[in-house]
Amino acid sequence: MNHFPTTAHALAGRTILQIVPELDAGGAERTAVDIAAGLARCGARALVATEGGRLVGELQAEGGIWIPFPARSKNPVAMALNARKLMRICLDEGVSLVHARSRAPAWVALAAARSLGLPFVTTYHGSYSGKSPVKVHYNSVMARGDVVIANSHYTADLICAAWPQARPRIRVIHRGTNLNAFSARSVPAERVEALRKAWKLPPHERIVLLAARLTSWKGQKVLIEAAKKLVDNGLRDVAFVLAGDPQGRDSYVRELDGMINRLGLQGVVHRVGHCTDMPAALLAAAVVTVPSTEPEAFGRVAVEAQALGTPVIVSDLGAVPETVLYPPRVPASERTGWVVPPGDADALADAIGAALTMGASALEGMTRRARMHVEQHFSLEAMVNATLDAYVAALAAARS
């Protein structure tokens, strides 16, 4: 990623501080590291105040600077003390702008930034729940940035509905995908084969993949129902793979296993646990499904699958449809995937059947279009550049 917006030179020599609870897996954490890397490449100092986590090493390797900070705390007294600590860090480090990526640390960052007269940027990484006055007030900090970054148009609409006064300050910046990592040329056949062996799948079986943590709204049960319909209609030599960490939801795991057994889908539907090689998993799949039954704030898996050229099927819900080209948005000849009603196992089964029966030429055309679509709209470079532009705009507004 060597191309920067024309305004990026204005950040050279500046110190930008991002604050996030921790640096483990997740959209906010991953994006914080990506933005820190972009800042470092354009000559800025990129600080990340966080408790730590598995991405700290990568942050430092990319030129970012870890500031150990108790950013996870939601205790009001601790947060007040943290605001004073963050003010001291900003003064000692010569911070020019503060960017918060989660609610509790955002309150801390807002207090520090306003006290010091620093530009304050927030990013909405998800749709925050809660209707009580206390929860609404708690959530409102994410709409108080001088620039409010929404990770999708769906998220931007949620912000405007709750806090219409934030509309002029909102910028939609879709989450970026690393096009080098999620490229068919970058994933050797050995990685795909190793994953198939780990999942105990024979070479002749095609894979329909749902890659998401095991929680009911991610749609695992809808996919199992769709699998039953397809098998009953004669589908063979297809494995339906549920790849995801249960994260302690043992009762839901028992429900899934019971449903698989009750429908006679042993050996057809496979629960394989957490996957550490998503590029290989998405490339191994013949079809990737995102059958969520509640709105998603973005559609990372759908974008990554399209980057690899794998057909995708998503629910018509939340932000995920923004990431896919499908009729009537485009002619059928330009589609990059299918969008189906949420919770509709019949529609999901029909779309899976259509994807699995595509001819070689049609599949090759979709693969090419999907990759081009992601390159044009969801690249890591585009996300970093748009965020650097937002920083420059916030700094310019503060000067004026």
Protein backbone atom coordinates (compact mmCIF):
# COMPACT_ATOMS: atom_id res chain seq x y z
CA MET A 1 0.00 0.00 0.00
CA ASN A 2 2.14 2.85 -1.30
CA HIS A 3 -0.41 5.41 -2.49
CA PHE A 4 -1.71 8.00 -0.05
CA PRO A 5 -4.29 10.76 -0.44
CA THR A 6 -2.85 14.10 -1.49
CA THR A 7 -3.60 15.44 2.00
CA ALA A 8 -1.59 12.75 3.82
CA HIS A 9 1.57 14.87 3.83
CA ALA A 10 -0.22 17.08 6.38
CA LEU A 11 0.08 14.23 8.89
CA ALA A 12 3.87 13.83 8.59
CA GLY A 13 5.43 14.55 11.97
CA ARG A 14 2.05 14.55 13.73
CA THR A 15 1.22 12.23 16.63
CA ILE A 16 -2.17 10.49 16.35
CA LEU A 17 -3.52 8.46 19.27
CA GLN A 18 -6.10 5.71 18.85
CA ILE A 19 -7.75 4.18 21.89
CA VAL A 20 -9.36 0.74 21.93
CA PRO A 21 -10.08 -1.62 24.87
CA GLU A 22 -7.66 -4.34 23.75
CA LEU A 23 -5.79 -5.57 20.69
CA ASP A 24 -7.17 -9.05 20.23
CA ALA A 25 -9.17 -10.33 17.24
CA GLY A 26 -12.01 -8.11 16.08
CA GLY A 27 -12.91 -5.43 13.59
CA ALA A 28 -12.04 -2.45 15.78
CA GLU A 29 -8.73 -3.98 16.83
CA ARG A 30 -7.73 -5.06 13.32
CA THR A 31 -8.59 -1.65 11.90
CA ALA A 32 -6.64 0.15 14.63
CA VAL A 33 -3.50 -1.76 13.58
CA ASP A 34 -4.16 -1.10 9.88
CA ILE A 35 -4.57 2.64 10.46
CA ALA A 36 -1.47 2.76 12.66
CA ALA A 37 0.50 1.14 9.83
CA GLY A 38 -0.82 3.69 7.35
CA LEU A 39 0.07 6.56 9.66
CA ALA A 40 3.59 5.26 10.13
CA ARG A 41 4.07 4.95 6.38
CA CYS A 42 3.17 8.59 5.82
CA GLY A 43 5.57 9.81 8.50
CA ALA A 44 3.22 10.23 11.46
CA ARG A 45 3.65 8.78 14.96
CA ALA A 46 0.90 6.22 15.56
CA LEU A 47 0.07 5.59 19.21
CA VAL A 48 -2.49 3.01 20.34
CA ALA A 49 -3.62 3.19 23.97
CA THR A 50 -4.90 -0.24 24.95
CA GLU A 51 -4.56 -2.97 27.54
CA GLY A 52 -2.71 -5.18 25.05
CA GLY A 53 -3.48 -8.40 23.24
CA ARG A 54 -2.28 -10.72 20.50
CA LEU A 55 -2.03 -7.93 17.89
CA VAL A 56 0.45 -5.82 19.87
CA GLY A 57 3.42 -7.48 18.17
CA GLU A 58 1.97 -6.79 14.73
CA LEU A 59 1.22 -3.20 15.70
CA GLN A 60 4.84 -2.64 16.67
CA ALA A 61 6.15 -4.44 13.58
CA GLU A 62 4.06 -2.08 11.42
CA GLY A 63 5.58 0.99 13.06
CA GLY A 64 2.87 1.68 15.64
CA ILE A 65 3.58 2.41 19.29
CA TRP A 66 1.76 0.57 22.08
CA ILE A 67 0.79 2.71 25.06
CA PRO A 68 -0.26 0.33 27.88
CA PHE A 69 -3.51 1.78 29.20
CA PRO A 70 -6.50 0.38 31.19
CA ALA A 71 -8.91 1.16 28.35
CA ARG A 72 -11.38 -1.67 29.10
CA SER A 73 -12.59 -0.21 32.38
CA LYS A 74 -16.27 0.80 32.57
CA ASN A 75 -16.13 1.85 36.22
CA PRO A 76 -17.08 5.57 36.37
CA VAL A 77 -14.45 6.40 38.99
CA ALA A 78 -11.73 4.55 37.07
CA MET A 79 -12.82 6.24 33.85
CA ALA A 80 -12.50 9.68 35.46
CA LEU A 81 -8.98 8.80 36.58
CA ASN A 82 -8.23 7.41 33.13
CA ALA A 83 -9.22 10.72 31.56
CA ARG A 84 -6.52 12.46 33.61
CA LYS A 85 -4.01 9.75 32.69
CA LEU A 86 -4.85 10.13 29.01
CA MET A 87 -4.49 13.92 29.23
CA ARG A 88 -0.99 13.43 30.63
CA ILE A 89 -0.09 11.00 27.85
CA CYS A 90 -1.37 13.45 25.23
CA LEU A 91 0.69 16.27 26.71
CA ASP A 92 3.85 14.18 27.14
CA GLU A 93 3.63 12.70 23.62
CA GLY A 94 2.50 15.84 21.81
CA VAL A 95 -0.70 14.22 20.53
CA SER A 96 -2.49 16.15 17.75
CA LEU A 97 -5.70 14.10 17.49
CA VAL A 98 -7.50 11.37 19.46
CA HIS A 99 -9.51 8.59 17.78
CA ALA A 100 -11.79 6.37 19.89
CA ARG A 101 -13.09 2.99 18.68
CA SER A 102 -15.27 1.84 21.61
CA ARG A 103 -17.71 3.46 24.01
CA ALA A 104 -16.05 3.27 27.44
CA PRO A 105 -12.65 4.49 26.23
CA ALA A 106 -14.47 7.05 24.05
CA TRP A 107 -15.82 8.79 27.16
CA VAL A 108 -12.29 8.89 28.53
CA ALA A 109 -10.93 10.18 25.23
CA LEU A 110 -13.69 12.79 24.88
CA ALA A 111 -12.91 14.25 28.30
CA ALA A 112 -9.17 14.35 27.58
CA ALA A 113 -9.55 15.78 24.07
CA ARG A 114 -12.01 18.48 25.05
CA SER A 115 -9.89 19.53 28.04
CA LEU A 116 -6.83 19.91 25.79
CA GLY A 117 -8.65 21.33 22.76
CA LEU A 118 -7.71 18.36 20.56
CA PRO A 119 -9.75 17.07 17.60
CA PHE A 120 -11.79 14.01 18.58
CA VAL A 121 -12.73 11.28 16.07
CA THR A 122 -14.94 8.25 16.68
CA THR A 123 -15.65 5.11 14.67
CA TYR A 124 -18.91 3.20 14.87
CA HIS A 125 -17.81 -0.42 14.41
CA GLY A 126 -21.20 -1.89 15.29
CA SER A 127 -24.86 -1.14 15.97
CA TYR A 128 -25.07 -0.44 19.68
CA SER A 129 -28.15 -1.77 21.45
CA GLY A 130 -30.08 -0.25 24.32
CA LYS A 131 -33.21 1.89 24.60
CA SER A 132 -33.10 3.03 28.22
CA PRO A 133 -32.15 6.69 28.76
CA VAL A 134 -28.94 5.64 30.53
CA LYS A 135 -27.87 3.32 27.70
CA VAL A 136 -28.79 5.86 25.02
CA HIS A 137 -26.64 8.45 26.77
CA TYR A 138 -23.78 5.94 27.11
CA ASN A 139 -23.97 5.15 23.39
CA SER A 140 -24.16 8.82 22.42
CA VAL A 141 -20.44 9.40 22.92
CA MET A 142 -19.80 7.65 19.61
CA ALA A 143 -21.79 10.38 17.83
CA ARG A 144 -19.89 13.23 19.49
CA GLY A 145 -16.75 13.12 17.38
CA ASP A 146 -15.68 16.10 15.29
CA VAL A 147 -15.66 13.38 12.63
CA VAL A 148 -17.89 10.33 13.12
CA ILE A 149 -16.80 7.38 10.96
CA ALA A 150 -19.48 4.80 10.11
CA ASN A 151 -18.33 1.46 8.74
CA SER A 152 -21.35 1.17 6.40
CA HIS A 153 -24.29 3.18 5.09
CA TYR A 154 -26.50 1.02 7.32
CA THR A 155 -24.52 2.14 10.37
CA ALA A 156 -24.65 5.77 9.21
CA ASP A 157 -28.45 5.55 9.00
CA LEU A 158 -28.60 4.16 12.56
CA ILE A 159 -26.49 7.07 13.83
CA CYS A 160 -28.65 9.64 12.02
CA ALA A 161 -31.84 8.08 13.37
CA ALA A 162 -30.61 8.25 16.97
CA TRP A 163 -28.60 11.49 16.77
CA PRO A 164 -29.64 13.52 13.70
CA GLN A 165 -27.40 16.38 14.78
CA ALA A 166 -24.38 14.18 13.92
CA ARG A 167 -25.33 13.89 10.22
CA PRO A 168 -22.96 16.64 8.92
CA ARG A 169 -20.02 15.03 10.73
CA ILE A 170 -20.54 11.45 9.49
CA ARG A 171 -18.20 9.85 6.97
CA VAL A 172 -18.92 6.35 5.65
CA ILE A 173 -15.65 4.42 5.44
CA HIS A 174 -16.12 0.73 4.76
CA ARG A 175 -13.80 -1.68 6.49
CA GLY A 176 -10.85 -2.52 4.26
CA THR A 177 -9.74 -5.96 3.10
CA ASN A 178 -6.10 -6.95 2.68
CA LEU A 179 -6.15 -7.82 -1.01
CA ASN A 180 -2.74 -9.47 -0.81
CA ALA A 181 -3.77 -11.91 1.92
CA PHE A 182 -7.20 -12.53 0.39
CA SER A 183 -6.02 -13.37 -3.11
CA ALA A 184 -6.25 -16.76 -4.76
CA ARG A 185 -2.65 -16.34 -5.93
CA SER A 186 -1.48 -15.90 -2.34
CA VAL A 187 -3.03 -19.11 -0.97
CA PRO A 188 -1.06 -22.21 -2.01
CA ALA A 189 -2.95 -25.41 -2.65
CA GLU A 190 -1.15 -27.00 0.32
CA ARG A 191 -2.97 -24.71 2.74
CA VAL A 192 -6.35 -25.58 1.28
CA GLU A 193 -5.55 -29.28 1.34
CA ALA A 194 -4.34 -29.10 4.95
CA LEU A 195 -7.60 -27.45 5.97
CA ARG A 196 -9.73 -30.05 4.19
CA LYS A 197 -7.78 -32.79 5.96
CA ALA A 198 -8.22 -31.08 9.33
CA TRP A 199 -11.95 -30.95 8.64
CA LYS A 200 -11.90 -34.63 7.55
CA LEU A 201 -13.51 -33.89 4.18
CA PRO A 202 -12.83 -36.13 1.16
CA PRO A 203 -11.41 -34.43 -1.95
CA HIS A 204 -14.55 -34.93 -4.07
CA GLU A 205 -16.92 -33.07 -1.74
CA ARG A 206 -17.68 -29.43 -2.42
CA ILE A 207 -17.98 -27.14 0.60
CA VAL A 208 -20.79 -24.77 1.57
CA LEU A 209 -19.27 -22.66 4.33
CA LEU A 210 -20.69 -20.59 7.16
CA ALA A 211 -17.78 -18.96 9.00
CA ALA A 212 -18.99 -17.16 12.13
CA ARG A 213 -18.98 -17.58 15.87
CA LEU A 214 -21.61 -20.03 17.07
CA THR A 215 -24.48 -17.84 18.17
CA SER A 216 -28.11 -18.15 17.11
CA TRP A 217 -28.39 -14.92 15.09
CA LYS A 218 -25.54 -15.94 12.77
CA GLY A 219 -27.97 -18.33 11.08
CA GLN A 220 -26.45 -21.77 11.60
CA LYS A 221 -29.90 -23.32 12.06
CA VAL A 222 -31.17 -21.73 8.85
CA LEU A 223 -28.27 -23.28 6.92
CA ILE A 224 -28.93 -26.69 8.49
CA GLU A 225 -32.58 -26.46 7.39
CA ALA A 226 -31.45 -25.48 3.88
CA ALA A 227 -29.04 -28.44 3.83
CA LYS A 228 -31.90 -30.80 4.71
CA LYS A 229 -34.02 -29.46 1.85
CA LEU A 230 -31.17 -29.82 -0.64
CA VAL A 231 -30.28 -33.34 0.48
CA ASP A 232 -33.93 -34.37 0.29
CA ASN A 233 -33.97 -33.03 -3.28
CA GLY A 234 -31.05 -35.26 -4.24
CA LEU A 235 -27.97 -33.11 -3.56
CA ARG A 236 -24.90 -35.27 -2.97
CA ASP A 237 -21.17 -34.85 -2.43
CA VAL A 238 -21.55 -31.49 -0.68
CA ALA A 239 -20.35 -30.79 2.85
CA PHE A 240 -21.97 -27.99 4.88
CA VAL A 241 -19.31 -26.62 7.21
CA LEU A 242 -20.00 -24.53 10.34
CA ALA A 243 -16.65 -22.95 11.21
CA GLY A 244 -16.69 -20.88 14.37
CA ASP A 245 -15.87 -20.68 18.04
CA PRO A 246 -18.79 -21.37 20.42
CA GLN A 247 -17.28 -18.89 22.92
CA GLY A 248 -18.78 -20.83 25.83
CA ARG A 249 -22.29 -21.21 24.33
CA ASP A 250 -22.45 -24.91 25.16
CA SER A 251 -26.25 -25.07 25.14
CA TYR A 252 -26.38 -23.67 21.60
CA VAL A 253 -23.78 -26.21 20.48
CA ARG A 254 -25.98 -28.97 21.89
CA GLU A 255 -28.96 -27.53 19.99
CA LEU A 256 -27.02 -27.55 16.73
CA ASP A 257 -25.72 -31.08 17.23
CA GLY A 258 -29.20 -32.28 18.17
CA MET A 259 -30.69 -30.66 15.09
CA ILE A 260 -28.07 -32.25 12.83
CA ASN A 261 -28.79 -35.69 14.32
CA ARG A 262 -32.57 -35.26 14.27
CA LEU A 263 -32.54 -34.34 10.57
CA GLY A 264 -30.21 -37.21 9.69
CA LEU A 265 -27.44 -34.91 8.49
CA GLN A 266 -24.51 -36.62 10.23
CA GLY A 267 -21.64 -36.63 7.76
CA VAL A 268 -23.28 -33.83 5.76
CA VAL A 269 -23.16 -30.92 8.21
CA HIS A 270 -19.83 -30.56 9.99
CA ARG A 271 -19.08 -28.39 13.01
CA VAL A 272 -15.32 -27.79 12.80
CA GLY A 273 -14.56 -25.16 15.47
CA HIS A 274 -12.55 -21.97 15.09
CA CYS A 275 -10.66 -21.50 11.81
CA THR A 276 -7.26 -19.81 11.90
CA ASP A 277 -6.73 -19.70 8.13
CA MET A 278 -9.69 -17.82 6.70
CA PRO A 279 -8.17 -17.21 3.24
CA ALA A 280 -7.74 -20.97 2.78
CA ALA A 281 -11.23 -21.67 4.17
CA LEU A 282 -12.93 -19.19 1.85
CA LEU A 283 -10.93 -20.44 -1.14
CA ALA A 284 -11.74 -24.06 -0.29
CA ALA A 285 -15.47 -23.28 -0.32
CA ALA A 286 -17.64 -23.61 -3.41
CA VAL A 287 -20.17 -21.27 -1.75
CA VAL A 288 -19.90 -18.97 1.29
CA THR A 289 -23.09 -18.17 3.20
CA VAL A 290 -23.82 -15.30 5.59
CA PRO A 291 -27.41 -16.17 6.63
CA SER A 292 -27.64 -13.81 9.63
CA THR A 293 -31.05 -13.30 11.22
CA GLU A 294 -30.11 -10.00 12.89
CA PRO A 295 -28.45 -6.99 11.22
CA GLU A 296 -24.69 -6.93 10.77
CA ALA A 297 -22.90 -3.57 10.87
CA PHE A 298 -20.63 -4.65 8.01
CA GLY A 299 -19.99 -7.80 5.98
CA ARG A 300 -16.35 -8.80 6.40
CA VAL A 301 -16.72 -12.48 5.44
CA ALA A 302 -18.78 -11.63 2.36
CA VAL A 303 -16.16 -9.13 1.18
CA GLU A 304 -13.24 -11.49 1.83
CA ALA A 305 -14.99 -14.32 -0.01
CA GLN A 306 -15.60 -12.08 -3.03
CA ALA A 307 -11.95 -11.01 -2.96
CA LEU A 308 -11.09 -14.68 -3.43
CA GLY A 309 -13.75 -15.11 -6.11
CA THR A 310 -16.00 -17.44 -4.12
CA PRO A 311 -19.77 -17.05 -4.70
CA VAL A 312 -21.55 -15.56 -1.67
CA ILE A 313 -25.13 -15.74 -0.37
CA VAL A 314 -26.15 -13.21 2.28
CA SER A 315 -29.28 -12.19 4.17
CA ASP A 316 -31.10 -9.06 3.05
CA LEU A 317 -30.49 -7.44 6.40
CA GLY A 318 -28.18 -4.79 7.83
CA ALA A 319 -25.03 -3.74 6.01
CA VAL A 320 -24.04 -7.02 4.35
CA PRO A 321 -26.12 -6.47 1.17
CA GLU A 322 -24.12 -3.25 0.61
CA THR A 323 -21.10 -5.43 -0.12
CA VAL A 324 -22.70 -7.61 -2.83
CA LEU A 325 -23.84 -6.84 -6.39
CA TYR A 326 -27.16 -8.54 -7.12
CA PRO A 327 -30.38 -7.99 -9.08
CA PRO A 328 -32.17 -5.60 -9.21
CA ARG A 329 -29.24 -3.37 -8.21
CA VAL A 330 -27.37 -4.69 -11.24
CA PRO A 331 -28.32 -6.92 -14.19
CA ALA A 332 -28.16 -10.65 -13.44
CA SER A 333 -25.10 -10.87 -15.70
CA GLU A 334 -23.20 -8.54 -13.33
CA ARG A 335 -24.03 -10.21 -10.01
CA THR A 336 -21.29 -11.14 -7.53
CA GLY A 337 -23.62 -13.06 -5.22
CA TRP A 338 -27.17 -13.68 -3.99
CA VAL A 339 -29.26 -11.88 -1.38
CA VAL A 340 -32.09 -13.82 0.31
CA PRO A 341 -34.69 -12.96 2.96
CA PRO A 342 -33.38 -13.54 6.50
CA GLY A 343 -34.49 -16.77 8.12
CA ASP A 344 -35.84 -18.19 4.84
CA ALA A 345 -34.35 -21.68 4.50
CA ASP A 346 -36.17 -22.31 1.20
CA ALA A 347 -34.69 -19.18 -0.42
CA LEU A 348 -31.26 -20.01 0.97
CA ALA A 349 -31.48 -23.56 -0.40
CA ASP A 350 -32.52 -22.24 -3.83
CA ALA A 351 -29.59 -19.80 -3.92
CA ILE A 352 -27.11 -22.50 -2.84
CA GLY A 353 -28.45 -24.75 -5.57
CA ALA A 354 -28.07 -21.98 -8.15
CA ALA A 355 -24.50 -21.28 -7.07
CA LEU A 356 -23.51 -24.95 -7.12
CA THR A 357 -24.92 -25.51 -10.61
CA MET A 358 -23.20 -22.57 -12.30
CA GLY A 359 -21.32 -23.47 -15.46
CA ALA A 360 -17.56 -22.98 -15.67
CA SER A 361 -17.75 -19.83 -17.79
CA ALA A 362 -20.41 -18.23 -15.59
CA LEU A 363 -18.40 -19.04 -12.46
CA GLU A 364 -15.21 -17.65 -13.98
CA GLY A 365 -17.03 -14.43 -14.88
CA MET A 366 -18.44 -14.06 -11.37
CA THR A 367 -15.02 -14.70 -9.83
CA ARG A 368 -13.50 -11.93 -11.95
CA ARG A 369 -16.32 -9.45 -11.22
CA ALA A 370 -16.29 -10.14 -7.49
CA ARG A 371 -12.55 -9.52 -7.21
CA MET A 372 -12.84 -6.29 -9.20
CA HIS A 373 -15.78 -5.16 -7.03
CA VAL A 374 -13.76 -5.57 -3.83
CA GLU A 375 -10.69 -3.91 -5.35
CA GLN A 376 -12.76 -0.87 -6.29
CA HIS A 377 -14.78 -0.46 -3.09
CA PHE A 378 -13.40 -2.40 -0.12
CA SER A 379 -9.61 -2.36 -0.28
CA LEU A 380 -7.42 -1.77 2.74
CA GLU A 381 -5.75 1.06 0.86
CA ALA A 382 -9.08 2.82 0.31
CA MET A 383 -10.00 2.52 3.99
CA VAL A 384 -6.65 3.83 5.21
CA ASN A 385 -6.64 6.71 2.76
CA ALA A 386 -10.18 7.75 3.64
CA THR A 387 -9.35 7.65 7.35
CA LEU A 388 -6.19 9.74 6.87
CA ASP A 389 -8.33 12.25 4.96
CA ALA A 390 -10.75 12.34 7.90
CA TYR A 391 -7.87 13.09 10.27
CA VAL A 392 -6.62 15.90 8.06
CA ALA A 393 -10.13 17.38 7.87
CA ALA A 394 -10.53 17.24 11.66
CA LEU A 395 -7.15 18.90 12.18
CA ALA A 396 -7.97 21.62 9.64
CA ALA A 397 -11.33 22.30 11.28
CA ALA A 398 -9.65 22.59 14.67
CA ARG A 399 -7.15 25.15 13.31
CA SER A 400 -9.92 27.26 11.81
